[in-house]
Amino acid sequence: MKKLSTATEPPAELLTIGALAKRVGFAVSALRYYEEVGLIPPALRRESGHRVYPESVLDVLVLIRHCRDLGFSIDETRELVALSTNGERDCVEARAIAQTGSPRFQCNK
């Protein structure tokens, strides 16, 4: 966990864990878990020790929410998050995960 370099309040583009959880519709404990398992980057810390996140984490959490709603496992979600944050990887990999991973995407021929 990184500490913020100044004792002042963080810039406006940083969100508290509570504000971030509310915007995405997760419990705060879910965000702590997703940080613990490496789905989202470690939080910055205020001098008080409270977690704050850059606003860019919001997009990752929206993707995580969709993945979990569709029944993807944590490992499948991790792969999809990695694909979404790495512009050099091919989106064909995401399709392969979707078609083989989640039971909702299985073909019943």
Protein backbone atom coordinates (compact mmCIF):
# COMPACT_ATOMS: atom_id res chain seq x y z
CA MET A 1 0.00 0.00 0.00
CA LYS A 2 1.35 3.37 -1.00
CA LYS A 3 1.07 6.39 1.24
CA LEU A 4 0.15 9.75 -0.18
CA SER A 5 3.14 12.07 -0.15
CA THR A 6 1.41 15.03 1.51
CA ALA A 7 -0.58 15.44 4.69
CA THR A 8 -3.27 17.40 2.87
CA GLU A 9 -6.46 15.89 1.51
CA PRO A 10 -5.99 13.85 -1.66
CA PRO A 11 -6.75 15.42 -5.04
CA ALA A 12 -10.36 15.25 -6.26
CA GLU A 13 -9.60 12.42 -8.71
CA LEU A 14 -9.01 10.02 -5.81
CA LEU A 15 -12.03 8.25 -4.38
CA THR A 16 -12.43 6.84 -0.91
CA ILE A 17 -13.18 3.15 -0.68
CA GLY A 18 -16.72 3.95 0.48
CA ALA A 19 -17.42 6.34 -2.39
CA LEU A 20 -16.01 3.88 -4.91
CA ALA A 21 -18.05 0.99 -3.48
CA LYS A 22 -21.22 3.07 -3.61
CA ARG A 23 -20.66 4.13 -7.24
CA VAL A 24 -20.16 0.54 -8.39
CA GLY A 25 -22.71 -1.09 -6.10
CA PHE A 26 -20.28 -3.29 -4.15
CA ALA A 27 -19.83 -3.63 -0.43
CA VAL A 28 -16.63 -2.09 0.93
CA SER A 29 -15.55 -5.59 1.98
CA ALA A 30 -15.78 -6.71 -1.66
CA LEU A 31 -13.35 -3.97 -2.71
CA ARG A 32 -10.95 -5.00 0.04
CA TYR A 33 -11.20 -8.60 -1.19
CA TYR A 34 -10.65 -7.65 -4.84
CA GLU A 35 -7.58 -5.69 -3.77
CA GLU A 36 -6.34 -8.64 -1.69
CA VAL A 37 -6.67 -11.12 -4.60
CA GLY A 38 -5.08 -8.70 -7.06
CA LEU A 39 -8.08 -7.77 -9.22
CA ILE A 40 -7.60 -4.09 -8.47
CA PRO A 41 -4.34 -2.32 -7.69
CA PRO A 42 -3.37 -1.64 -4.08
CA ALA A 43 -4.93 1.48 -2.64
CA LEU A 44 -3.09 4.62 -1.79
CA ARG A 45 -3.37 5.60 1.86
CA ARG A 46 -4.17 8.91 3.44
CA GLU A 47 -2.16 9.96 6.48
CA SER A 48 -5.08 8.61 8.51
CA GLY A 49 -4.59 5.18 6.89
CA HIS A 50 -7.85 5.30 4.92
CA ARG A 51 -7.79 3.76 1.46
CA VAL A 52 -8.19 5.97 -1.61
CA TYR A 53 -8.18 4.89 -5.24
CA PRO A 54 -7.65 6.66 -8.54
CA GLU A 55 -10.86 7.13 -10.50
CA SER A 56 -9.51 4.73 -13.16
CA VAL A 57 -10.21 1.83 -10.77
CA LEU A 58 -13.91 2.53 -11.33
CA ASP A 59 -13.74 1.12 -14.88
CA VAL A 60 -12.02 -2.04 -13.65
CA LEU A 61 -14.66 -2.52 -10.95
CA VAL A 62 -17.47 -2.13 -13.48
CA LEU A 63 -15.84 -4.89 -15.55
CA ILE A 64 -15.46 -7.06 -12.43
CA ARG A 65 -19.13 -6.51 -11.60
CA HIS A 66 -20.18 -7.62 -15.10
CA CYS A 67 -17.89 -10.66 -14.98
CA ARG A 68 -19.21 -11.75 -11.59
CA ASP A 69 -22.84 -11.15 -12.65
CA LEU A 70 -22.22 -13.41 -15.66
CA GLY A 71 -20.82 -16.18 -13.48
CA PHE A 72 -17.11 -15.91 -14.25
CA SER A 73 -14.76 -17.25 -11.59
CA ILE A 74 -12.22 -15.01 -9.88
CA ASP A 75 -9.44 -16.49 -12.07
CA GLU A 76 -11.44 -15.91 -15.27
CA THR A 77 -12.26 -12.39 -14.11
CA ARG A 78 -8.57 -11.78 -13.40
CA GLU A 79 -7.70 -12.84 -16.96
CA LEU A 80 -10.39 -10.58 -18.44
CA VAL A 81 -9.25 -7.63 -16.32
CA ALA A 82 -5.67 -8.23 -17.47
CA LEU A 83 -6.84 -8.29 -21.08
CA SER A 84 -8.80 -5.08 -20.66
CA THR A 85 -5.90 -3.19 -19.12
CA ASN A 86 -3.27 -4.38 -21.61
CA GLY A 87 -3.72 -2.79 -25.01
CA GLU A 88 -1.19 -5.14 -26.61
CA ARG A 89 -3.22 -8.31 -26.08
CA ASP A 90 -5.70 -9.59 -28.62
CA CYS A 91 -9.44 -9.48 -27.86
CA VAL A 92 -9.68 -13.02 -29.28
CA GLU A 93 -8.31 -14.15 -25.90
CA ALA A 94 -11.30 -12.56 -24.17
CA ARG A 95 -13.69 -14.40 -26.48
CA ALA A 96 -11.93 -17.69 -25.73
CA ILE A 97 -12.31 -17.13 -21.99
CA ALA A 98 -15.98 -16.25 -22.41
CA GLN A 99 -16.71 -19.30 -24.54
CA THR A 100 -14.86 -21.83 -22.37
CA GLY A 101 -15.18 -20.30 -18.92
CA SER A 102 -18.58 -19.26 -17.79
CA PRO A 103 -21.33 -21.89 -17.97
CA ARG A 104 -23.66 -19.24 -19.38
CA PHE A 105 -21.54 -19.11 -22.54
CA GLN A 106 -21.36 -22.84 -23.19
CA CYS A 107 -22.71 -24.07 -26.48
CA ASN A 108 -25.34 -26.80 -26.18
CA LYS A 109 -25.26 -28.49 -29.57
